[in-house]
Amino acid sequence: MAHVVLFHSSVGQTRGFLALAEQVRAVGNTVTTPDLYDGRTFSGPEEGMAHTEQIGGLDRIIEAGVRSVDGLPSDVVYAGVSLGVLSAQKLAQTRPGARGAVFLESCLPANYFADSWPAHLPVQVHGMDRDPYFAGEGDIDNARALVAQADDGELFLYPGDQHLFTDSSLPAYDDEACRSLLARVLSFLAAH
């Protein structure tokens, strides 16, 4: 089984985020969920992003994510939901020893933290095909390019226009899409 470091979205460690982590944990994986908001949660991405700006912006969140793995083994799978992908992607690309990466509902350009995606590093990216953030702001194109650089890279698109569809505590939750995503993620973790 894998050790997964799962970073939360801009809404924080909501009940839905923790439920997703528990589903990954329930099959025998170890799941570490760094809390980059010190217990704060928000009702939607806009409110959460406003908080991110208040506490120092995206760079501060990324660096807090990087510091959160100090003392953890290096052979982990880095995963993130939306905003959490920033820390997960930086660690996957820059901290030696990663076993894989799983990006949910966000993806930065492959050259954002390094020259390119490490070809040997397996990666999955998941998002809705009409999500105004994932599809509308270019993340879907970043994901296509990134998985093309990986020897073992997959992009999964789900029908819909919701962001944070994996968080069962939010109105955007999509049970069917989330179940399909979870099955694919668990298969990925079992293989890596």
C-alpha atoms as a PDB file:
ATOM      1  CA  MET A   1       0.000   0.000   0.000  1.00  0.00           C
ATOM      2  CA  ALA A   2       1.037   3.583  -0.516  1.00  0.00           C
ATOM      3  CA  HIS A   3       1.737   6.508   1.756  1.00  0.00           C
ATOM      4  CA  VAL A   4      -0.245   9.456   0.374  1.00  0.00           C
ATOM      5  CA  VAL A   5       0.238  13.091   1.328  1.00  0.00           C
ATOM      6  CA  LEU A   6      -3.100  14.733   0.449  1.00  0.00           C
ATOM      7  CA  PHE A   7      -3.353  18.536   0.402  1.00  0.00           C
ATOM      8  CA  HIS A   8      -6.719  20.248   0.844  1.00  0.00           C
ATOM      9  CA  SER A   9      -8.373  22.762  -1.468  1.00  0.00           C
ATOM     10  CA  SER A  10      -9.024  26.436  -0.783  1.00  0.00           C
ATOM     11  CA  VAL A  11     -12.022  25.511   1.393  1.00  0.00           C
ATOM     12  CA  GLY A  12      -9.735  23.771   3.903  1.00  0.00           C
ATOM     13  CA  GLN A  13     -10.105  20.448   5.651  1.00  0.00           C
ATOM     14  CA  THR A  14     -13.873  20.163   5.385  1.00  0.00           C
ATOM     15  CA  ARG A  15     -15.836  17.088   6.433  1.00  0.00           C
ATOM     16  CA  GLY A  16     -15.984  16.123   2.750  1.00  0.00           C
ATOM     17  CA  PHE A  17     -12.224  16.403   2.266  1.00  0.00           C
ATOM     18  CA  LEU A  18     -11.581  14.321   5.385  1.00  0.00           C
ATOM     19  CA  ALA A  19     -14.136  11.748   4.185  1.00  0.00           C
ATOM     20  CA  LEU A  20     -12.248  11.434   0.886  1.00  0.00           C
ATOM     21  CA  ALA A  21      -8.980  10.942   2.789  1.00  0.00           C
ATOM     22  CA  GLU A  22     -10.658   8.291   4.948  1.00  0.00           C
ATOM     23  CA  GLN A  23     -11.851   6.387   1.862  1.00  0.00           C
ATOM     24  CA  VAL A  24      -8.261   6.257   0.604  1.00  0.00           C
ATOM     25  CA  ARG A  25      -7.081   5.200   4.073  1.00  0.00           C
ATOM     26  CA  ALA A  26      -9.804   2.522   4.506  1.00  0.00           C
ATOM     27  CA  VAL A  27      -8.211   0.146   1.997  1.00  0.00           C
ATOM     28  CA  GLY A  28      -4.865   0.124   3.824  1.00  0.00           C
ATOM     29  CA  ASN A  29      -3.067   3.206   2.540  1.00  0.00           C
ATOM     30  CA  THR A  30      -1.410   5.631   4.931  1.00  0.00           C
ATOM     31  CA  VAL A  31      -2.797   9.128   4.367  1.00  0.00           C
ATOM     32  CA  THR A  32      -1.253  12.297   5.761  1.00  0.00           C
ATOM     33  CA  THR A  33      -3.410  15.427   5.446  1.00  0.00           C
ATOM     34  CA  PRO A  34      -1.427  18.580   6.242  1.00  0.00           C
ATOM     35  CA  ASP A  35      -3.686  21.411   7.431  1.00  0.00           C
ATOM     36  CA  LEU A  36      -2.413  24.591   5.811  1.00  0.00           C
ATOM     37  CA  TYR A  37      -5.279  26.684   7.207  1.00  0.00           C
ATOM     38  CA  ASP A  38      -4.899  25.881  10.928  1.00  0.00           C
ATOM     39  CA  GLY A  39      -8.384  24.388  11.163  1.00  0.00           C
ATOM     40  CA  ARG A  40     -10.232  27.072   9.191  1.00  0.00           C
ATOM     41  CA  THR A  41     -12.784  25.954   6.603  1.00  0.00           C
ATOM     42  CA  PHE A  42     -14.837  27.914   4.087  1.00  0.00           C
ATOM     43  CA  SER A  43     -18.108  27.500   2.214  1.00  0.00           C
ATOM     44  CA  GLY A  44     -16.666  27.924  -1.285  1.00  0.00           C
ATOM     45  CA  PRO A  45     -13.523  28.509  -3.333  1.00  0.00           C
ATOM     46  CA  GLU A  46     -13.884  32.284  -3.528  1.00  0.00           C
ATOM     47  CA  GLU A  47     -14.069  32.657   0.262  1.00  0.00           C
ATOM     48  CA  GLY A  48     -11.163  30.239   0.665  1.00  0.00           C
ATOM     49  CA  MET A  49      -9.005  32.061  -1.884  1.00  0.00           C
ATOM     50  CA  ALA A  50      -9.705  35.363  -0.124  1.00  0.00           C
ATOM     51  CA  HIS A  51      -8.369  33.741   3.066  1.00  0.00           C
ATOM     52  CA  THR A  52      -5.313  32.494   1.171  1.00  0.00           C
ATOM     53  CA  GLU A  53      -4.554  36.054   0.117  1.00  0.00           C
ATOM     54  CA  GLN A  54      -5.041  37.305   3.692  1.00  0.00           C
ATOM     55  CA  ILE A  55      -2.469  34.856   5.050  1.00  0.00           C
ATOM     56  CA  GLY A  56       0.214  35.643   2.482  1.00  0.00           C
ATOM     57  CA  GLY A  57      -0.919  34.290  -0.883  1.00  0.00           C
ATOM     58  CA  LEU A  58      -0.174  31.263  -2.977  1.00  0.00           C
ATOM     59  CA  ASP A  59       3.592  31.279  -2.394  1.00  0.00           C
ATOM     60  CA  ARG A  60       3.037  31.078   1.355  1.00  0.00           C
ATOM     61  CA  ILE A  61       0.613  28.153   0.932  1.00  0.00           C
ATOM     62  CA  ILE A  62       3.030  26.293  -1.351  1.00  0.00           C
ATOM     63  CA  GLU A  63       5.916  26.748   1.049  1.00  0.00           C
ATOM     64  CA  ALA A  64       3.772  25.689   4.023  1.00  0.00           C
ATOM     65  CA  GLY A  65       2.921  22.554   2.057  1.00  0.00           C
ATOM     66  CA  VAL A  66       6.590  21.871   1.354  1.00  0.00           C
ATOM     67  CA  ARG A  67       7.501  22.335   5.033  1.00  0.00           C
ATOM     68  CA  SER A  68       4.645  20.056   6.110  1.00  0.00           C
ATOM     69  CA  VAL A  69       6.437  16.967   4.765  1.00  0.00           C
ATOM     70  CA  ASP A  70       9.611  17.526   6.774  1.00  0.00           C
ATOM     71  CA  GLY A  71      10.217  14.300   8.643  1.00  0.00           C
ATOM     72  CA  LEU A  72       8.038  12.186   6.335  1.00  0.00           C
ATOM     73  CA  PRO A  73       9.522   9.460   4.160  1.00  0.00           C
ATOM     74  CA  SER A  74      10.418  10.518   0.625  1.00  0.00           C
ATOM     75  CA  ASP A  75       8.743   7.584  -1.146  1.00  0.00           C
ATOM     76  CA  VAL A  76       5.206   8.934  -1.006  1.00  0.00           C
ATOM     77  CA  VAL A  77       2.478   9.757  -3.494  1.00  0.00           C
ATOM     78  CA  TYR A  78       1.716  13.475  -3.499  1.00  0.00           C
ATOM     79  CA  ALA A  79      -1.924  14.361  -4.051  1.00  0.00           C
ATOM     80  CA  GLY A  80      -3.904  17.558  -3.923  1.00  0.00           C
ATOM     81  CA  VAL A  81      -7.372  18.914  -4.467  1.00  0.00           C
ATOM     82  CA  SER A  82      -7.550  22.202  -6.414  1.00  0.00           C
ATOM     83  CA  LEU A  83      -5.348  24.658  -4.451  1.00  0.00           C
ATOM     84  CA  GLY A  84      -3.686  21.644  -2.815  1.00  0.00           C
ATOM     85  CA  VAL A  85      -2.287  20.616  -6.195  1.00  0.00           C
ATOM     86  CA  LEU A  86       0.205  23.483  -5.990  1.00  0.00           C
ATOM     87  CA  SER A  87       2.049  21.960  -3.020  1.00  0.00           C
ATOM     88  CA  ALA A  88       1.604  18.414  -4.328  1.00  0.00           C
ATOM     89  CA  GLN A  89       2.974  19.268  -7.759  1.00  0.00           C
ATOM     90  CA  LYS A  90       5.951  21.184  -6.383  1.00  0.00           C
ATOM     91  CA  LEU A  91       6.884  18.312  -4.066  1.00  0.00           C
ATOM     92  CA  ALA A  92       6.390  15.665  -6.755  1.00  0.00           C
ATOM     93  CA  GLN A  93       8.679  17.548  -9.113  1.00  0.00           C
ATOM     94  CA  THR A  94      11.334  18.741  -6.675  1.00  0.00           C
ATOM     95  CA  ARG A  95      11.540  16.383  -3.670  1.00  0.00           C
ATOM     96  CA  PRO A  96      13.517  13.270  -4.620  1.00  0.00           C
ATOM     97  CA  GLY A  97      11.918   9.860  -4.098  1.00  0.00           C
ATOM     98  CA  ALA A  98       8.275  10.467  -5.000  1.00  0.00           C
ATOM     99  CA  ARG A  99       6.328   7.337  -6.000  1.00  0.00           C
ATOM    100  CA  GLY A 100       3.636   9.183  -7.917  1.00  0.00           C
ATOM    101  CA  ALA A 101       1.266  12.127  -8.054  1.00  0.00           C
ATOM    102  CA  VAL A 102      -2.512  12.558  -8.166  1.00  0.00           C
ATOM    103  CA  PHE A 103      -3.952  15.963  -9.043  1.00  0.00           C
ATOM    104  CA  LEU A 104      -7.656  16.581  -8.512  1.00  0.00           C
ATOM    105  CA  GLU A 105      -9.376  19.505 -10.224  1.00  0.00           C
ATOM    106  CA  SER A 106      -6.211  21.495 -10.938  1.00  0.00           C
ATOM    107  CA  CYS A 107      -2.916  21.221 -12.796  1.00  0.00           C
ATOM    108  CA  LEU A 108      -0.095  23.688 -13.304  1.00  0.00           C
ATOM    109  CA  PRO A 109       2.129  23.752 -16.387  1.00  0.00           C
ATOM    110  CA  ALA A 110       4.704  20.947 -16.321  1.00  0.00           C
ATOM    111  CA  ASN A 111       7.509  23.523 -16.297  1.00  0.00           C
ATOM    112  CA  TYR A 112       6.127  25.601 -13.400  1.00  0.00           C
ATOM    113  CA  PHE A 113       8.448  24.117 -10.742  1.00  0.00           C
ATOM    114  CA  ALA A 114      11.023  22.339 -12.938  1.00  0.00           C
ATOM    115  CA  ASP A 115      12.071  22.176 -16.573  1.00  0.00           C
ATOM    116  CA  SER A 116       9.538  19.426 -17.279  1.00  0.00           C
ATOM    117  CA  TRP A 117       7.574  16.622 -15.665  1.00  0.00           C
ATOM    118  CA  PRO A 118       9.884  13.752 -14.605  1.00  0.00           C
ATOM    119  CA  ALA A 119       9.077  11.099 -17.240  1.00  0.00           C
ATOM    120  CA  HIS A 120       9.580   8.233 -14.764  1.00  0.00           C
ATOM    121  CA  LEU A 121       7.046   9.643 -12.255  1.00  0.00           C
ATOM    122  CA  PRO A 122       3.510   8.222 -12.639  1.00  0.00           C
ATOM    123  CA  VAL A 123       0.726  10.789 -12.529  1.00  0.00           C
ATOM    124  CA  GLN A 124      -3.059  10.955 -12.699  1.00  0.00           C
ATOM    125  CA  VAL A 125      -5.044  14.149 -13.244  1.00  0.00           C
ATOM    126  CA  HIS A 126      -8.823  14.302 -12.703  1.00  0.00           C
ATOM    127  CA  GLY A 127     -11.287  17.084 -13.445  1.00  0.00           C
ATOM    128  CA  MET A 128     -14.683  17.935 -14.872  1.00  0.00           C
ATOM    129  CA  ASP A 129     -14.780  18.755 -18.558  1.00  0.00           C
ATOM    130  CA  ARG A 130     -16.726  22.019 -18.067  1.00  0.00           C
ATOM    131  CA  ASP A 131     -15.440  23.086 -14.649  1.00  0.00           C
ATOM    132  CA  PRO A 132     -15.000  26.874 -14.979  1.00  0.00           C
ATOM    133  CA  TYR A 133     -11.697  26.664 -13.086  1.00  0.00           C
ATOM    134  CA  PHE A 134     -10.195  23.411 -14.391  1.00  0.00           C
ATOM    135  CA  ALA A 135     -11.426  23.649 -17.983  1.00  0.00           C
ATOM    136  CA  GLY A 136     -12.035  27.380 -18.189  1.00  0.00           C
ATOM    137  CA  GLU A 137      -8.699  28.619 -16.814  1.00  0.00           C
ATOM    138  CA  GLY A 138      -6.362  26.349 -18.762  1.00  0.00           C
ATOM    139  CA  ASP A 139      -5.654  23.617 -16.229  1.00  0.00           C
ATOM    140  CA  ILE A 140      -7.085  21.001 -18.589  1.00  0.00           C
ATOM    141  CA  ASP A 141      -4.526  22.007 -21.237  1.00  0.00           C
ATOM    142  CA  ASN A 142      -1.752  21.936 -18.629  1.00  0.00           C
ATOM    143  CA  ALA A 143      -2.901  18.439 -17.659  1.00  0.00           C
ATOM    144  CA  ARG A 144      -2.863  17.174 -21.245  1.00  0.00           C
ATOM    145  CA  ALA A 145       0.676  18.444 -21.745  1.00  0.00           C
ATOM    146  CA  LEU A 146       1.884  17.142 -18.379  1.00  0.00           C
ATOM    147  CA  VAL A 147       0.550  13.585 -18.779  1.00  0.00           C
ATOM    148  CA  ALA A 148       2.059  13.480 -22.282  1.00  0.00           C
ATOM    149  CA  GLN A 149       5.506  13.946 -20.690  1.00  0.00           C
ATOM    150  CA  ALA A 150       5.011  11.035 -18.267  1.00  0.00           C
ATOM    151  CA  ASP A 151       5.756   7.431 -19.195  1.00  0.00           C
ATOM    152  CA  ASP A 152       2.718   6.573 -17.044  1.00  0.00           C
ATOM    153  CA  GLY A 153       0.373   9.563 -17.175  1.00  0.00           C
ATOM    154  CA  GLU A 154      -3.413   9.623 -17.312  1.00  0.00           C
ATOM    155  CA  LEU A 155      -5.986  12.388 -17.567  1.00  0.00           C
ATOM    156  CA  PHE A 156      -9.561  11.546 -16.582  1.00  0.00           C
ATOM    157  CA  LEU A 157     -12.392  13.909 -17.468  1.00  0.00           C
ATOM    158  CA  TYR A 158     -15.846  13.649 -15.929  1.00  0.00           C
ATOM    159  CA  PRO A 159     -18.983  15.183 -17.435  1.00  0.00           C
ATOM    160  CA  GLY A 160     -20.018  18.281 -15.543  1.00  0.00           C
ATOM    161  CA  ASP A 161     -19.329  21.872 -14.638  1.00  0.00           C
ATOM    162  CA  GLN A 162     -18.643  21.630 -10.909  1.00  0.00           C
ATOM    163  CA  HIS A 163     -15.477  22.556  -9.058  1.00  0.00           C
ATOM    164  CA  LEU A 164     -14.656  20.639  -5.859  1.00  0.00           C
ATOM    165  CA  PHE A 165     -16.932  17.784  -6.942  1.00  0.00           C
ATOM    166  CA  THR A 166     -14.992  15.408  -4.682  1.00  0.00           C
ATOM    167  CA  ASP A 167     -16.022  17.204  -1.470  1.00  0.00           C
ATOM    168  CA  SER A 168     -19.203  15.591  -0.127  1.00  0.00           C
ATOM    169  CA  SER A 169     -19.795  18.510   2.251  1.00  0.00           C
ATOM    170  CA  LEU A 170     -20.231  21.010  -0.597  1.00  0.00           C
ATOM    171  CA  PRO A 171     -23.129  21.584  -3.046  1.00  0.00           C
ATOM    172  CA  ALA A 172     -20.737  20.865  -5.973  1.00  0.00           C
ATOM    173  CA  TYR A 173     -20.338  17.228  -4.883  1.00  0.00           C
ATOM    174  CA  ASP A 174     -21.010  14.658  -7.598  1.00  0.00           C
ATOM    175  CA  ASP A 175     -21.354  11.185  -6.093  1.00  0.00           C
ATOM    176  CA  GLU A 176     -21.109   9.242  -9.354  1.00  0.00           C
ATOM    177  CA  ALA A 177     -18.052  11.130 -10.600  1.00  0.00           C
ATOM    178  CA  CYS A 178     -16.398  10.905  -7.191  1.00  0.00           C
ATOM    179  CA  ARG A 179     -16.941   7.132  -6.976  1.00  0.00           C
ATOM    180  CA  SER A 180     -15.399   6.692 -10.428  1.00  0.00           C
ATOM    181  CA  LEU A 181     -12.476   8.948  -9.505  1.00  0.00           C
ATOM    182  CA  LEU A 182     -11.887   7.112  -6.231  1.00  0.00           C
ATOM    183  CA  ALA A 183     -11.797   3.727  -7.976  1.00  0.00           C
ATOM    184  CA  ARG A 184      -9.184   5.027 -10.422  1.00  0.00           C
ATOM    185  CA  VAL A 185      -7.100   6.623  -7.673  1.00  0.00           C
ATOM    186  CA  LEU A 186      -7.154   3.467  -5.548  1.00  0.00           C
ATOM    187  CA  SER A 187      -6.075   1.396  -8.550  1.00  0.00           C
ATOM    188  CA  PHE A 188      -3.228   3.851  -9.190  1.00  0.00           C
ATOM    189  CA  LEU A 189      -2.120   3.666  -5.556  1.00  0.00           C
ATOM    190  CA  ALA A 190      -2.208  -0.121  -5.567  1.00  0.00           C
ATOM    191  CA  ALA A 191       0.047  -0.166  -8.632  1.00  0.00           C
ATOM    192  CA  HIS A 192       2.543   2.388  -7.322  1.00  0.00           C
END
